[in-house]
Structure formats: C-alpha cells, structure tokens
C-alpha cells in the first residue's frame, strides 16, 4: 500500500515524543498569597506536573515545575511595580530575582532531571 514505510525510513517529524517538559509559574501554587487570583489553578497544575513526573520518570520522560515567588527583574510586572513605588504608591514587599538566575535554575532542572520541582526563593513566600 502507499502508506507503508521501509523499516529504515526516518520517523515522521510530527511523531517525535517530547522527553522533557518544564513549566515556570507563580509561587501562589505553593502558598496562597492575598490579592493573587488564580492560585488554585496553578496549584492544580503543580499537582499534575508532580503526577506526570512520578508516572513517566521510569520511561525516560521528565516533567518539572519552577514556582517563582519573586518579582522578575526587567519584566513588565517588575517595571510597573518599581514605577508605582517611585511615584509614591504603596506596593507589597516581595523578593526580586534576575531572569538569569531563573534561566540557570531551569537549565539545571532540564539537564539533571533530578527533581520534580524547584521553588524560588527557597524560603516560604511572605504573606
């Protein structure tokens, strides 16, 4: 038939299996934060990634999550927050982090595949 492929034919490009999946989301997945909507949805994603990690690790598939409880420097949120602070507005205190630090953390997770998740910063997110 016209759909048969020889055994030595390269695989179809759309038949490739993704072997790694990383997600970076807000820290409200790990601890509820006042005035942060959607934490319950992110918490559900956290549970799903942990389940995927446990179920698929033996098959060579990695799933992991990075939960960020800090304002990412040079981001729109960070810039708006700093502008509001400079204008005299009251803004909640929270840690800040360089995107380079997060990139390195994601790369380490991708390379080592040794944990289902990482939380930044390591300390609990302030209430």
C-alpha atoms as a PDB file:
ATOM      1  CA  UNK A   1       0.000   0.000   0.000  1.00  0.00           C
ATOM      2  CA  UNK A   2       1.046   3.601  -0.489  1.00  0.00           C
ATOM      3  CA  UNK A   3       1.242   4.224   3.264  1.00  0.00           C
ATOM      4  CA  UNK A   4       3.865   1.577   4.020  1.00  0.00           C
ATOM      5  CA  UNK A   5       7.302   2.819   5.058  1.00  0.00           C
ATOM      6  CA  UNK A   6      10.545   0.891   4.902  1.00  0.00           C
ATOM      7  CA  UNK A   7      11.953  -0.116   8.290  1.00  0.00           C
ATOM      8  CA  UNK A   8      14.961   2.149   7.804  1.00  0.00           C
ATOM      9  CA  UNK A   9      12.899   5.243   6.897  1.00  0.00           C
ATOM     10  CA  UNK A  10      13.399   8.209   9.232  1.00  0.00           C
ATOM     11  CA  UNK A  11      10.476   8.898  11.563  1.00  0.00           C
ATOM     12  CA  UNK A  12       7.903  11.432  10.543  1.00  0.00           C
ATOM     13  CA  UNK A  13       8.845  14.799  12.138  1.00  0.00           C
ATOM     14  CA  UNK A  14       5.489  15.030  13.925  1.00  0.00           C
ATOM     15  CA  UNK A  15       5.871  11.592  15.508  1.00  0.00           C
ATOM     16  CA  UNK A  16       8.651  12.660  17.861  1.00  0.00           C
ATOM     17  CA  UNK A  17       7.911  12.259  21.556  1.00  0.00           C
ATOM     18  CA  UNK A  18       8.666  15.146  23.882  1.00  0.00           C
ATOM     19  CA  UNK A  19      11.002  13.812  26.564  1.00  0.00           C
ATOM     20  CA  UNK A  20      11.082  16.906  28.792  1.00  0.00           C
ATOM     21  CA  UNK A  21       8.526  19.432  29.909  1.00  0.00           C
ATOM     22  CA  UNK A  22       9.283  22.358  32.187  1.00  0.00           C
ATOM     23  CA  UNK A  23       6.832  24.942  33.449  1.00  0.00           C
ATOM     24  CA  UNK A  24       7.581  28.155  35.350  1.00  0.00           C
ATOM     25  CA  UNK A  25       4.682  29.705  37.243  1.00  0.00           C
ATOM     26  CA  UNK A  26       3.885  31.964  40.160  1.00  0.00           C
ATOM     27  CA  UNK A  27       4.593  30.987  43.731  1.00  0.00           C
ATOM     28  CA  UNK A  28       0.920  31.030  44.692  1.00  0.00           C
ATOM     29  CA  UNK A  29       0.885  27.357  43.676  1.00  0.00           C
ATOM     30  CA  UNK A  30       2.878  26.537  46.807  1.00  0.00           C
ATOM     31  CA  UNK A  31       1.318  29.003  49.244  1.00  0.00           C
ATOM     32  CA  UNK A  32      -1.752  31.180  48.966  1.00  0.00           C
ATOM     33  CA  UNK A  33      -0.995  34.874  48.564  1.00  0.00           C
ATOM     34  CA  UNK A  34      -3.587  37.586  49.226  1.00  0.00           C
ATOM     35  CA  UNK A  35      -4.655  39.553  46.138  1.00  0.00           C
ATOM     36  CA  UNK A  36      -3.251  36.920  43.749  1.00  0.00           C
ATOM     37  CA  UNK A  37      -6.028  35.407  41.666  1.00  0.00           C
ATOM     38  CA  UNK A  38      -5.695  32.026  40.050  1.00  0.00           C
ATOM     39  CA  UNK A  39      -3.554  30.347  42.687  1.00  0.00           C
ATOM     40  CA  UNK A  40      -5.918  27.384  42.784  1.00  0.00           C
ATOM     41  CA  UNK A  41      -5.463  26.780  39.040  1.00  0.00           C
ATOM     42  CA  UNK A  42      -1.688  26.961  39.342  1.00  0.00           C
ATOM     43  CA  UNK A  43      -1.839  24.596  42.328  1.00  0.00           C
ATOM     44  CA  UNK A  44      -3.742  22.130  40.131  1.00  0.00           C
ATOM     45  CA  UNK A  45      -1.006  22.427  37.510  1.00  0.00           C
ATOM     46  CA  UNK A  46       1.581  21.758  40.222  1.00  0.00           C
ATOM     47  CA  UNK A  47      -0.230  18.579  41.237  1.00  0.00           C
ATOM     48  CA  UNK A  48      -0.479  17.494  37.592  1.00  0.00           C
ATOM     49  CA  UNK A  49       3.265  18.040  36.975  1.00  0.00           C
ATOM     50  CA  UNK A  50       4.156  16.107  40.129  1.00  0.00           C
ATOM     51  CA  UNK A  51       1.927  13.241  38.959  1.00  0.00           C
ATOM     52  CA  UNK A  52       3.476  13.296  35.481  1.00  0.00           C
ATOM     53  CA  UNK A  53       6.970  13.325  36.946  1.00  0.00           C
ATOM     54  CA  UNK A  54       6.222  10.270  39.104  1.00  0.00           C
ATOM     55  CA  UNK A  55       4.362   8.361  36.389  1.00  0.00           C
ATOM     56  CA  UNK A  56       6.746   8.962  33.487  1.00  0.00           C
ATOM     57  CA  UNK A  57      10.209   9.091  35.056  1.00  0.00           C
ATOM     58  CA  UNK A  58      10.721   5.359  34.518  1.00  0.00           C
ATOM     59  CA  UNK A  59      10.010   5.839  30.815  1.00  0.00           C
ATOM     60  CA  UNK A  60      12.729   8.450  30.330  1.00  0.00           C
ATOM     61  CA  UNK A  61      10.308  11.378  30.331  1.00  0.00           C
ATOM     62  CA  UNK A  62      10.906  14.381  32.609  1.00  0.00           C
ATOM     63  CA  UNK A  63       8.244  16.797  33.828  1.00  0.00           C
ATOM     64  CA  UNK A  64       9.127  19.567  36.246  1.00  0.00           C
ATOM     65  CA  UNK A  65       7.912  22.862  37.603  1.00  0.00           C
ATOM     66  CA  UNK A  66       9.589  26.026  38.816  1.00  0.00           C
ATOM     67  CA  UNK A  67       7.427  28.052  41.217  1.00  0.00           C
ATOM     68  CA  UNK A  68       8.533  31.672  41.431  1.00  0.00           C
ATOM     69  CA  UNK A  69       7.625  33.770  44.456  1.00  0.00           C
ATOM     70  CA  UNK A  70       9.514  36.876  43.381  1.00  0.00           C
ATOM     71  CA  UNK A  71       9.224  39.810  41.012  1.00  0.00           C
ATOM     72  CA  UNK A  72      11.342  39.043  37.950  1.00  0.00           C
ATOM     73  CA  UNK A  73      13.650  41.952  37.204  1.00  0.00           C
ATOM     74  CA  UNK A  74      13.141  43.634  33.810  1.00  0.00           C
ATOM     75  CA  UNK A  75       9.645  42.109  33.479  1.00  0.00           C
ATOM     76  CA  UNK A  76       6.533  44.191  32.874  1.00  0.00           C
ATOM     77  CA  UNK A  77       5.272  43.418  36.384  1.00  0.00           C
ATOM     78  CA  UNK A  78       8.589  44.415  37.932  1.00  0.00           C
ATOM     79  CA  UNK A  79       8.836  47.638  35.906  1.00  0.00           C
ATOM     80  CA  UNK A  80       5.235  48.642  36.736  1.00  0.00           C
ATOM     81  CA  UNK A  81       5.836  47.878  40.405  1.00  0.00           C
ATOM     82  CA  UNK A  82       9.009  49.952  40.516  1.00  0.00           C
ATOM     83  CA  UNK A  83       7.313  52.851  38.697  1.00  0.00           C
ATOM     84  CA  UNK A  84       4.445  52.763  41.194  1.00  0.00           C
ATOM     85  CA  UNK A  85       6.925  52.728  44.083  1.00  0.00           C
ATOM     86  CA  UNK A  86       8.829  55.683  42.570  1.00  0.00           C
ATOM     87  CA  UNK A  87       5.542  57.581  42.260  1.00  0.00           C
ATOM     88  CA  UNK A  88       4.919  57.103  45.976  1.00  0.00           C
ATOM     89  CA  UNK A  89       2.379  54.276  45.778  1.00  0.00           C
ATOM     90  CA  UNK A  90       2.347  51.593  48.416  1.00  0.00           C
ATOM     91  CA  UNK A  91       3.453  48.283  46.897  1.00  0.00           C
ATOM     92  CA  UNK A  92       3.734  44.955  48.707  1.00  0.00           C
ATOM     93  CA  UNK A  93       7.208  43.874  49.720  1.00  0.00           C
ATOM     94  CA  UNK A  94       8.434  40.810  47.880  1.00  0.00           C
ATOM     95  CA  UNK A  95      11.746  39.333  46.814  1.00  0.00           C
ATOM     96  CA  UNK A  96      13.158  40.093  43.375  1.00  0.00           C
ATOM     97  CA  UNK A  97      15.171  37.840  41.095  1.00  0.00           C
ATOM     98  CA  UNK A  98      17.216  38.208  37.945  1.00  0.00           C
ATOM     99  CA  UNK A  99      15.843  36.302  34.944  1.00  0.00           C
ATOM    100  CA  UNK A 100      19.388  34.963  34.507  1.00  0.00           C
ATOM    101  CA  UNK A 101      19.141  33.191  37.870  1.00  0.00           C
ATOM    102  CA  UNK A 102      15.844  31.604  36.836  1.00  0.00           C
ATOM    103  CA  UNK A 103      17.264  30.581  33.455  1.00  0.00           C
ATOM    104  CA  UNK A 104      20.167  28.852  35.173  1.00  0.00           C
ATOM    105  CA  UNK A 105      17.798  27.081  37.547  1.00  0.00           C
ATOM    106  CA  UNK A 106      15.617  25.895  34.653  1.00  0.00           C
ATOM    107  CA  UNK A 107      18.688  24.736  32.736  1.00  0.00           C
ATOM    108  CA  UNK A 108      19.899  22.765  35.760  1.00  0.00           C
ATOM    109  CA  UNK A 109      16.480  21.133  36.130  1.00  0.00           C
ATOM    110  CA  UNK A 110      16.446  20.302  32.399  1.00  0.00           C
ATOM    111  CA  UNK A 111      19.982  18.905  32.454  1.00  0.00           C
ATOM    112  CA  UNK A 112      19.876  16.884  35.662  1.00  0.00           C
ATOM    113  CA  UNK A 113      16.212  15.819  35.690  1.00  0.00           C
ATOM    114  CA  UNK A 114      16.702  15.033  39.380  1.00  0.00           C
ATOM    115  CA  UNK A 115      13.665  16.722  40.948  1.00  0.00           C
ATOM    116  CA  UNK A 116      10.028  17.293  40.169  1.00  0.00           C
ATOM    117  CA  UNK A 117      10.089  20.941  41.185  1.00  0.00           C
ATOM    118  CA  UNK A 118      12.040  23.880  42.476  1.00  0.00           C
ATOM    119  CA  UNK A 119      10.766  26.862  44.418  1.00  0.00           C
ATOM    120  CA  UNK A 120      12.396  30.286  44.185  1.00  0.00           C
ATOM    121  CA  UNK A 121      13.244  31.665  46.632  1.00  0.00           C
ATOM    122  CA  UNK A 122      13.768  28.627  48.851  1.00  0.00           C
ATOM    123  CA  UNK A 123      12.217  30.443  51.806  1.00  0.00           C
ATOM    124  CA  UNK A 124       8.428  30.485  52.098  1.00  0.00           C
ATOM    125  CA  UNK A 125       6.685  33.244  50.209  1.00  0.00           C
ATOM    126  CA  UNK A 126       5.760  36.067  52.615  1.00  0.00           C
ATOM    127  CA  UNK A 127       2.089  36.581  53.364  1.00  0.00           C
END
